[in-house]
């Protein structure tokens, strides 16, 4: 079974997620630093790292994004019932 490792940043609004995406992809701020500063999720203290997980362990929109990404890629904002996420795929194992 394939497992992925991801880090994420959870914020309240789509605009906040878009602004962070622009700052991260332009090199103004590191993903892990942004997670520590801005994420509403407790994982933010660890730079947003969620560790490895398989299918069925995360909410569907989040999972779908993670399993469609390449390692190193940062997602556009993804909405779930928890808020808006930026996701960085950091690993993939079969």
PDB file of N, CA and C in Angstrom:
ATOM      1  N   UNK A   1       0.837  -1.186   0.000  1.00  0.00           N
ATOM      2  CA  UNK A   1       0.000   0.000   0.000  1.00  0.00           C
ATOM      3  C   UNK A   1       0.883   1.252   0.000  1.00  0.00           C
ATOM      4  N   UNK A   2       0.554   2.199  -0.830  1.00  0.00           N
ATOM      5  CA  UNK A   2       1.305   3.447  -0.903  1.00  0.00           C
ATOM      6  C   UNK A   2       0.996   4.315   0.310  1.00  0.00           C
ATOM      7  N   UNK A   3       2.041   4.899   0.866  1.00  0.00           N
ATOM      8  CA  UNK A   3       1.893   5.886   1.922  1.00  0.00           C
ATOM      9  C   UNK A   3       2.611   7.153   1.494  1.00  0.00           C
ATOM     10  N   UNK A   4       2.096   8.283   1.945  1.00  0.00           N
ATOM     11  CA  UNK A   4       2.742   9.559   1.657  1.00  0.00           C
ATOM     12  C   UNK A   4       3.080  10.249   2.966  1.00  0.00           C
ATOM     13  N   UNK A   5       4.049  11.138   2.891  1.00  0.00           N
ATOM     14  CA  UNK A   5       4.387  11.983   4.037  1.00  0.00           C
ATOM     15  C   UNK A   5       4.157  13.420   3.603  1.00  0.00           C
ATOM     16  N   UNK A   6       3.465  14.157   4.437  1.00  0.00           N
ATOM     17  CA  UNK A   6       3.131  15.530   4.075  1.00  0.00           C
ATOM     18  C   UNK A   6       3.274  16.448   5.272  1.00  0.00           C
ATOM     19  N   UNK A   7       3.506  17.704   4.952  1.00  0.00           N
ATOM     20  CA  UNK A   7       3.428  18.788   5.918  1.00  0.00           C
ATOM     21  C   UNK A   7       2.323  19.708   5.445  1.00  0.00           C
ATOM     22  N   UNK A   8       1.692  20.398   6.381  1.00  0.00           N
ATOM     23  CA  UNK A   8       0.646  21.315   5.951  1.00  0.00           C
ATOM     24  C   UNK A   8       0.600  22.544   6.842  1.00  0.00           C
ATOM     25  N   UNK A   9      -0.070  23.558   6.300  1.00  0.00           N
ATOM     26  CA  UNK A   9      -0.351  24.792   7.021  1.00  0.00           C
ATOM     27  C   UNK A   9      -1.862  24.963   6.959  1.00  0.00           C
ATOM     28  N   UNK A  10      -2.493  25.117   8.108  1.00  0.00           N
ATOM     29  CA  UNK A  10      -3.941  25.273   8.189  1.00  0.00           C
ATOM     30  C   UNK A  10      -4.267  26.698   8.604  1.00  0.00           C
ATOM     31  N   UNK A  11      -5.061  27.383   7.748  1.00  0.00           N
ATOM     32  CA  UNK A  11      -5.483  28.752   8.038  1.00  0.00           C
ATOM     33  C   UNK A  11      -6.997  28.875   7.840  1.00  0.00           C
ATOM     34  N   UNK A  12      -7.557  30.005   8.257  1.00  0.00           N
ATOM     35  CA  UNK A  12      -9.010  30.174   8.232  1.00  0.00           C
ATOM     36  C   UNK A  12      -9.585  30.508   6.862  1.00  0.00           C
ATOM     37  N   UNK A  13      -8.862  31.318   6.068  1.00  0.00           N
ATOM     38  CA  UNK A  13      -9.453  31.827   4.823  1.00  0.00           C
ATOM     39  C   UNK A  13      -8.658  31.419   3.584  1.00  0.00           C
ATOM     40  N   UNK A  14      -9.362  31.359   2.468  1.00  0.00           N
ATOM     41  CA  UNK A  14      -8.717  31.055   1.196  1.00  0.00           C
ATOM     42  C   UNK A  14      -7.686  32.128   0.856  1.00  0.00           C
ATOM     43  N   UNK A  15      -8.030  33.395   1.123  1.00  0.00           N
ATOM     44  CA  UNK A  15      -7.103  34.489   0.810  1.00  0.00           C
ATOM     45  C   UNK A  15      -5.809  34.360   1.599  1.00  0.00           C
ATOM     46  N   UNK A  16      -5.919  34.018   2.873  1.00  0.00           N
ATOM     47  CA  UNK A  16      -4.717  33.826   3.694  1.00  0.00           C
ATOM     48  C   UNK A  16      -3.858  32.701   3.123  1.00  0.00           C
ATOM     49  N   UNK A  17      -4.515  31.614   2.693  1.00  0.00           N
ATOM     50  CA  UNK A  17      -3.784  30.487   2.092  1.00  0.00           C
ATOM     51  C   UNK A  17      -3.112  30.908   0.793  1.00  0.00           C
ATOM     52  N   UNK A  18      -3.816  31.673  -0.039  1.00  0.00           N
ATOM     53  CA  UNK A  18      -3.237  32.131  -1.312  1.00  0.00           C
ATOM     54  C   UNK A  18      -2.039  33.041  -1.076  1.00  0.00           C
ATOM     55  N   UNK A  19      -2.168  33.946  -0.101  1.00  0.00           N
ATOM     56  CA  UNK A  19      -1.059  34.855   0.203  1.00  0.00           C
ATOM     57  C   UNK A  19       0.166  34.079   0.686  1.00  0.00           C
ATOM     58  N   UNK A  20      -0.054  33.100   1.559  1.00  0.00           N
ATOM     59  CA  UNK A  20       1.056  32.265   2.041  1.00  0.00           C
ATOM     60  C   UNK A  20       1.678  31.472   0.903  1.00  0.00           C
ATOM     61  N   UNK A  21       0.830  30.923   0.017  1.00  0.00           N
ATOM     62  CA  UNK A  21       1.334  30.167  -1.141  1.00  0.00           C
ATOM     63  C   UNK A  21       2.293  31.047  -1.950  1.00  0.00           C
ATOM     64  N   UNK A  22       1.872  32.289  -2.215  1.00  0.00           N
ATOM     65  CA  UNK A  22       2.708  33.213  -2.995  1.00  0.00           C
ATOM     66  C   UNK A  22       4.025  33.499  -2.281  1.00  0.00           C
ATOM     67  N   UNK A  23       3.970  33.719  -0.961  1.00  0.00           N
ATOM     68  CA  UNK A  23       5.188  34.003  -0.197  1.00  0.00           C
ATOM     69  C   UNK A  23       6.145  32.810  -0.195  1.00  0.00           C
ATOM     70  N   UNK A  24       5.588  31.604  -0.059  1.00  0.00           N
ATOM     71  CA  UNK A  24       6.424  30.395  -0.013  1.00  0.00           C
ATOM     72  C   UNK A  24       7.025  30.093  -1.380  1.00  0.00           C
ATOM     73  N   UNK A  25       6.204  30.131  -2.431  1.00  0.00           N
ATOM     74  CA  UNK A  25       6.711  29.768  -3.757  1.00  0.00           C
ATOM     75  C   UNK A  25       7.649  30.828  -4.336  1.00  0.00           C
ATOM     76  N   UNK A  26       7.560  32.070  -3.836  1.00  0.00           N
ATOM     77  CA  UNK A  26       8.486  33.111  -4.310  1.00  0.00           C
ATOM     78  C   UNK A  26       9.773  33.123  -3.493  1.00  0.00           C
ATOM     79  N   UNK A  27       9.826  32.290  -2.429  1.00  0.00           N
ATOM     80  CA  UNK A  27      11.038  32.189  -1.629  1.00  0.00           C
ATOM     81  C   UNK A  27      11.123  33.191  -0.482  1.00  0.00           C
ATOM     82  N   UNK A  28      10.047  33.955  -0.240  1.00  0.00           N
ATOM     83  CA  UNK A  28      10.072  34.932   0.850  1.00  0.00           C
ATOM     84  C   UNK A  28      10.086  34.270   2.225  1.00  0.00           C
ATOM     85  N   UNK A  29       9.452  33.112   2.335  1.00  0.00           N
ATOM     86  CA  UNK A  29       9.386  32.406   3.615  1.00  0.00           C
ATOM     87  C   UNK A  29       9.445  30.902   3.351  1.00  0.00           C
ATOM     88  N   UNK A  30      10.108  30.190   4.243  1.00  0.00           N
ATOM     89  CA  UNK A  30      10.214  28.737   4.154  1.00  0.00           C
ATOM     90  C   UNK A  30       8.900  28.096   4.599  1.00  0.00           C
ATOM     91  N   UNK A  31       8.524  26.972   3.982  1.00  0.00           N
ATOM     92  CA  UNK A  31       7.267  26.303   4.307  1.00  0.00           C
ATOM     93  C   UNK A  31       7.180  25.986   5.801  1.00  0.00           C
ATOM     94  N   UNK A  32       8.222  25.378   6.362  1.00  0.00           N
ATOM     95  CA  UNK A  32       8.202  24.985   7.772  1.00  0.00           C
ATOM     96  C   UNK A  32       8.100  26.206   8.688  1.00  0.00           C
ATOM     97  N   UNK A  33       8.810  27.284   8.340  1.00  0.00           N
ATOM     98  CA  UNK A  33       8.730  28.512   9.140  1.00  0.00           C
ATOM     99  C   UNK A  33       7.318  29.089   9.090  1.00  0.00           C
ATOM    100  N   UNK A  34       6.705  29.073   7.902  1.00  0.00           N
ATOM    101  CA  UNK A  34       5.333  29.579   7.757  1.00  0.00           C
ATOM    102  C   UNK A  34       4.373  28.736   8.585  1.00  0.00           C
ATOM    103  N   UNK A  35       4.596  27.417   8.596  1.00  0.00           N
ATOM    104  CA  UNK A  35       3.733  26.536   9.391  1.00  0.00           C
ATOM    105  C   UNK A  35       3.847  26.862  10.875  1.00  0.00           C
ATOM    106  N   UNK A  36       5.072  27.080  11.340  1.00  0.00           N
ATOM    107  CA  UNK A  36       5.281  27.383  12.764  1.00  0.00           C
ATOM    108  C   UNK A  36       4.628  28.713  13.148  1.00  0.00           C
ATOM    109  N   UNK A  37       4.659  29.672  12.228  1.00  0.00           N
ATOM    110  CA  UNK A  37       4.117  31.009  12.513  1.00  0.00           C
ATOM    111  C   UNK A  37       2.613  31.102  12.323  1.00  0.00           C
ATOM    112  N   UNK A  38       2.076  30.438  11.313  1.00  0.00           N
ATOM    113  CA  UNK A  38       0.707  30.719  10.876  1.00  0.00           C
ATOM    114  C   UNK A  38      -0.304  29.598  11.064  1.00  0.00           C
ATOM    115  N   UNK A  39       0.141  28.345  11.147  1.00  0.00           N
ATOM    116  CA  UNK A  39      -0.803  27.224  11.132  1.00  0.00           C
ATOM    117  C   UNK A  39      -1.629  27.156  12.410  1.00  0.00           C
ATOM    118  N   UNK A  40      -2.935  26.890  12.247  1.00  0.00           N
ATOM    119  CA  UNK A  40      -3.839  26.697  13.387  1.00  0.00           C
ATOM    120  C   UNK A  40      -3.773  25.265  13.907  1.00  0.00           C
ATOM    121  N   UNK A  41      -3.079  24.381  13.190  1.00  0.00           N
ATOM    122  CA  UNK A  41      -2.979  22.972  13.577  1.00  0.00           C
ATOM    123  C   UNK A  41      -1.814  22.783  14.549  1.00  0.00           C
ATOM    124  N   UNK A  42      -1.970  21.917  15.553  1.00  0.00           N
ATOM    125  CA  UNK A  42      -0.850  21.644  16.465  1.00  0.00           C
ATOM    126  C   UNK A  42       0.422  21.175  15.741  1.00  0.00           C
ATOM    127  N   UNK A  43       0.276  20.583  14.554  1.00  0.00           N
ATOM    128  CA  UNK A  43       1.449  20.135  13.793  1.00  0.00           C
ATOM    129  C   UNK A  43       2.338  21.301  13.379  1.00  0.00           C
ATOM    130  N   UNK A  44       1.818  22.504  13.438  1.00  0.00           N
ATOM    131  CA  UNK A  44       2.607  23.677  13.077  1.00  0.00           C
ATOM    132  C   UNK A  44       3.886  23.780  13.890  1.00  0.00           C
ATOM    133  N   UNK A  45       3.830  23.351  15.140  1.00  0.00           N
ATOM    134  CA  UNK A  45       5.023  23.403  16.001  1.00  0.00           C
ATOM    135  C   UNK A  45       6.142  22.534  15.449  1.00  0.00           C
ATOM    136  N   UNK A  46       5.792  21.519  14.668  1.00  0.00           N
ATOM    137  CA  UNK A  46       6.789  20.640  14.040  1.00  0.00           C
ATOM    138  C   UNK A  46       6.989  21.017  12.571  1.00  0.00           C
ATOM    139  N   UNK A  47       6.731  22.275  12.236  1.00  0.00           N
ATOM    140  CA  UNK A  47       6.875  22.716  10.850  1.00  0.00           C
ATOM    141  C   UNK A  47       5.786  22.176   9.948  1.00  0.00           C
ATOM    142  N   UNK A  48       4.686  21.717  10.548  1.00  0.00           N
ATOM    143  CA  UNK A  48       3.551  21.210   9.775  1.00  0.00           C
ATOM    144  C   UNK A  48       3.622  19.732   9.453  1.00  0.00           C
ATOM    145  N   UNK A  49       4.678  19.038   9.901  1.00  0.00           N
ATOM    146  CA  UNK A  49       4.876  17.633   9.536  1.00  0.00           C
ATOM    147  C   UNK A  49       3.787  16.737  10.123  1.00  0.00           C
ATOM    148  N   UNK A  50       3.153  15.949   9.257  1.00  0.00           N
ATOM    149  CA  UNK A  50       2.114  14.998   9.668  1.00  0.00           C
ATOM    150  C   UNK A  50       2.617  13.559   9.656  1.00  0.00           C
ATOM    151  N   UNK A  51       3.854  13.343   9.223  1.00  0.00           N
ATOM    152  CA  UNK A  51       4.386  11.990   9.129  1.00  0.00           C
ATOM    153  C   UNK A  51       3.788  11.244   7.943  1.00  0.00           C
ATOM    154  N   UNK A  52       4.003   9.929   7.916  1.00  0.00           N
ATOM    155  CA  UNK A  52       3.476   9.089   6.831  1.00  0.00           C
ATOM    156  C   UNK A  52       2.056   8.649   7.142  1.00  0.00           C
ATOM    157  N   UNK A  53       1.229   8.559   6.108  1.00  0.00           N
ATOM    158  CA  UNK A  53      -0.141   8.060   6.259  1.00  0.00           C
ATOM    159  C   UNK A  53      -0.608   7.435   4.959  1.00  0.00           C
ATOM    160  N   UNK A  54      -1.549   6.522   5.083  1.00  0.00           N
ATOM    161  CA  UNK A  54      -2.115   5.848   3.929  1.00  0.00           C
ATOM    162  C   UNK A  54      -3.491   6.395   3.594  1.00  0.00           C
ATOM    163  N   UNK A  55      -4.074   5.834   2.555  1.00  0.00           N
ATOM    164  CA  UNK A  55      -5.416   6.251   2.153  1.00  0.00           C
ATOM    165  C   UNK A  55      -6.421   5.907   3.251  1.00  0.00           C
ATOM    166  N   UNK A  56      -7.398   6.775   3.431  1.00  0.00           N
ATOM    167  CA  UNK A  56      -8.438   6.557   4.426  1.00  0.00           C
ATOM    168  C   UNK A  56      -8.120   7.137   5.787  1.00  0.00           C
ATOM    169  N   UNK A  57      -6.939   7.752   5.932  1.00  0.00           N
ATOM    170  CA  UNK A  57      -6.548   8.290   7.240  1.00  0.00           C
ATOM    171  C   UNK A  57      -6.776   9.792   7.372  1.00  0.00           C
ATOM    172  N   UNK A  58      -6.981  10.464   6.262  1.00  0.00           N
ATOM    173  CA  UNK A  58      -7.200  11.919   6.267  1.00  0.00           C
ATOM    174  C   UNK A  58      -8.532  12.220   5.584  1.00  0.00           C
ATOM    175  N   UNK A  59      -9.049  13.433   5.785  1.00  0.00           N
ATOM    176  CA  UNK A  59     -10.295  13.811   5.109  1.00  0.00           C
ATOM    177  C   UNK A  59     -10.063  13.809   3.601  1.00  0.00           C
ATOM    178  N   UNK A  60     -11.115  13.483   2.853  1.00  0.00           N
ATOM    179  CA  UNK A  60     -11.003  13.195   1.417  1.00  0.00           C
ATOM    180  C   UNK A  60     -10.317  14.299   0.600  1.00  0.00           C
ATOM    181  N   UNK A  61     -10.717  15.568   0.685  1.00  0.00           N
ATOM    182  CA  UNK A  61     -10.044  16.567  -0.169  1.00  0.00           C
ATOM    183  C   UNK A  61      -8.547  16.664   0.107  1.00  0.00           C
ATOM    184  N   UNK A  62      -8.172  16.529   1.374  1.00  0.00           N
ATOM    185  CA  UNK A  62      -6.759  16.578   1.775  1.00  0.00           C
ATOM    186  C   UNK A  62      -6.021  15.363   1.222  1.00  0.00           C
ATOM    187  N   UNK A  63      -6.623  14.199   1.413  1.00  0.00           N
ATOM    188  CA  UNK A  63      -6.027  12.953   0.924  1.00  0.00           C
ATOM    189  C   UNK A  63      -5.877  12.972  -0.595  1.00  0.00           C
ATOM    190  N   UNK A  64      -6.923  13.391  -1.298  1.00  0.00           N
ATOM    191  CA  UNK A  64      -6.873  13.437  -2.766  1.00  0.00           C
ATOM    192  C   UNK A  64      -5.718  14.313  -3.246  1.00  0.00           C
ATOM    193  N   UNK A  65      -5.541  15.457  -2.599  1.00  0.00           N
ATOM    194  CA  UNK A  65      -4.445  16.351  -2.983  1.00  0.00           C
ATOM    195  C   UNK A  65      -3.098  15.673  -2.747  1.00  0.00           C
ATOM    196  N   UNK A  66      -2.926  15.092  -1.568  1.00  0.00           N
ATOM    197  CA  UNK A  66      -1.639  14.462  -1.221  1.00  0.00           C
ATOM    198  C   UNK A  66      -1.261  13.357  -2.194  1.00  0.00           C
ATOM    199  N   UNK A  67      -2.229  12.497  -2.529  1.00  0.00           N
ATOM    200  CA  UNK A  67      -1.919  11.340  -3.376  1.00  0.00           C
ATOM    201  C   UNK A  67      -1.801  11.699  -4.857  1.00  0.00           C
ATOM    202  N   UNK A  68      -2.103  12.958  -5.216  1.00  0.00           N
ATOM    203  CA  UNK A  68      -1.950  13.365  -6.616  1.00  0.00           C
ATOM    204  C   UNK A  68      -0.699  14.214  -6.829  1.00  0.00           C
ATOM    205  N   UNK A  69       0.031  14.476  -5.747  1.00  0.00           N
ATOM    206  CA  UNK A  69       1.195  15.350  -5.832  1.00  0.00           C
ATOM    207  C   UNK A  69       2.497  14.566  -5.995  1.00  0.00           C
ATOM    208  N   UNK A  70       3.520  15.291  -6.445  1.00  0.00           N
ATOM    209  CA  UNK A  70       4.878  14.754  -6.514  1.00  0.00           C
ATOM    210  C   UNK A  70       5.641  15.221  -5.281  1.00  0.00           C
ATOM    211  N   UNK A  71       6.624  14.432  -4.848  1.00  0.00           N
ATOM    212  CA  UNK A  71       7.434  14.804  -3.693  1.00  0.00           C
ATOM    213  C   UNK A  71       8.100  16.157  -3.954  1.00  0.00           C
ATOM    214  N   UNK A  72       8.000  17.031  -2.969  1.00  0.00           N
ATOM    215  CA  UNK A  72       8.579  18.371  -3.086  1.00  0.00           C
ATOM    216  C   UNK A  72       7.576  19.421  -3.531  1.00  0.00           C
ATOM    217  N   UNK A  73       6.462  18.982  -4.075  1.00  0.00           N
ATOM    218  CA  UNK A  73       5.446  19.903  -4.595  1.00  0.00           C
ATOM    219  C   UNK A  73       4.664  20.544  -3.449  1.00  0.00           C
ATOM    220  N   UNK A  74       4.236  21.785  -3.676  1.00  0.00           N
ATOM    221  CA  UNK A  74       3.369  22.498  -2.735  1.00  0.00           C
ATOM    222  C   UNK A  74       2.035  22.733  -3.433  1.00  0.00           C
ATOM    223  N   UNK A  75       0.958  22.375  -2.750  1.00  0.00           N
ATOM    224  CA  UNK A  75      -0.380  22.470  -3.356  1.00  0.00           C
ATOM    225  C   UNK A  75      -0.884  23.899  -3.367  1.00  0.00           C
ATOM    226  N   UNK A  76      -1.812  24.150  -4.267  1.00  0.00           N
ATOM    227  CA  UNK A  76      -2.657  25.328  -4.171  1.00  0.00           C
ATOM    228  C   UNK A  76      -3.529  25.127  -2.930  1.00  0.00           C
ATOM    229  N   UNK A  77      -4.224  26.164  -2.439  1.00  0.00           N
ATOM    230  CA  UNK A  77      -5.081  25.984  -1.267  1.00  0.00           C
ATOM    231  C   UNK A  77      -6.131  24.881  -1.455  1.00  0.00           C
ATOM    232  N   UNK A  78      -6.283  24.047  -0.424  1.00  0.00           N
ATOM    233  CA  UNK A  78      -7.237  22.940  -0.414  1.00  0.00           C
ATOM    234  C   UNK A  78      -8.208  23.178   0.745  1.00  0.00           C
ATOM    235  N   UNK A  79      -9.516  23.159   0.447  1.00  0.00           N
ATOM    236  CA  UNK A  79     -10.505  23.405   1.489  1.00  0.00           C
ATOM    237  C   UNK A  79     -11.011  22.096   2.087  1.00  0.00           C
ATOM    238  N   UNK A  80     -11.076  22.060   3.425  1.00  0.00           N
ATOM    239  CA  UNK A  80     -11.726  20.961   4.146  1.00  0.00           C
ATOM    240  C   UNK A  80     -12.632  21.589   5.198  1.00  0.00           C
ATOM    241  N   UNK A  81     -13.303  20.747   5.961  1.00  0.00           N
ATOM    242  CA  UNK A  81     -14.163  21.281   7.016  1.00  0.00           C
ATOM    243  C   UNK A  81     -13.374  21.985   8.115  1.00  0.00           C
ATOM    244  N   UNK A  82     -12.047  21.805   8.124  1.00  0.00           N
ATOM    245  CA  UNK A  82     -11.207  22.415   9.151  1.00  0.00           C
ATOM    246  C   UNK A  82     -10.724  23.808   8.768  1.00  0.00           C
ATOM    247  N   UNK A  83     -10.756  24.114   7.476  1.00  0.00           N
ATOM    248  CA  UNK A  83     -10.259  25.396   6.981  1.00  0.00           C
ATOM    249  C   UNK A  83      -9.546  25.190   5.651  1.00  0.00           C
ATOM    250  N   UNK A  84      -8.553  26.023   5.402  1.00  0.00           N
ATOM    251  CA  UNK A  84      -7.789  25.985   4.151  1.00  0.00           C
ATOM    252  C   UNK A  84      -6.368  25.514   4.423  1.00  0.00           C
ATOM    253  N   UNK A  85      -5.922  24.565   3.619  1.00  0.00           N
ATOM    254  CA  UNK A  85      -4.601  23.962   3.798  1.00  0.00           C
ATOM    255  C   UNK A  85      -3.691  24.284   2.616  1.00  0.00           C
ATOM    256  N   UNK A  86      -2.423  24.493   2.925  1.00  0.00           N
ATOM    257  CA  UNK A  86      -1.358  24.380   1.939  1.00  0.00           C
ATOM    258  C   UNK A  86      -0.636  23.102   2.313  1.00  0.00           C
ATOM    259  N   UNK A  87      -0.354  22.279   1.337  1.00  0.00           N
ATOM    260  CA  UNK A  87       0.248  20.977   1.596  1.00  0.00           C
ATOM    261  C   UNK A  87       1.572  20.877   0.846  1.00  0.00           C
ATOM    262  N   UNK A  88       2.581  20.376   1.527  1.00  0.00           N
ATOM    263  CA  UNK A  88       3.861  20.076   0.884  1.00  0.00           C
ATOM    264  C   UNK A  88       4.085  18.576   1.021  1.00  0.00           C
ATOM    265  N   UNK A  89       4.199  17.900  -0.119  1.00  0.00           N
ATOM    266  CA  UNK A  89       4.455  16.461  -0.081  1.00  0.00           C
ATOM    267  C   UNK A  89       5.951  16.261   0.146  1.00  0.00           C
ATOM    268  N   UNK A  90       6.290  15.543   1.215  1.00  0.00           N
ATOM    269  CA  UNK A  90       7.701  15.371   1.575  1.00  0.00           C
ATOM    270  C   UNK A  90       8.206  13.951   1.408  1.00  0.00           C
ATOM    271  N   UNK A  91       7.305  12.995   1.107  1.00  0.00           N
ATOM    272  CA  UNK A  91       7.753  11.631   0.900  1.00  0.00           C
ATOM    273  C   UNK A  91       6.661  10.759   0.331  1.00  0.00           C
ATOM    274  N   UNK A  92       7.071   9.657  -0.295  1.00  0.00           N
ATOM    275  CA  UNK A  92       6.110   8.687  -0.844  1.00  0.00           C
ATOM    276  C   UNK A  92       6.781   7.330  -0.808  1.00  0.00           C
ATOM    277  N   UNK A  93       6.077   6.327  -0.270  1.00  0.00           N
ATOM    278  CA  UNK A  93       6.607   4.960  -0.205  1.00  0.00           C
ATOM    279  C   UNK A  93       5.543   3.979  -0.675  1.00  0.00           C
ATOM    280  N   UNK A  94       5.989   2.977  -1.428  1.00  0.00           N
ATOM    281  CA  UNK A  94       5.051   1.923  -1.873  1.00  0.00           C
ATOM    282  C   UNK A  94       5.161   0.713  -0.961  1.00  0.00           C
TER     283      UNK A  94
END
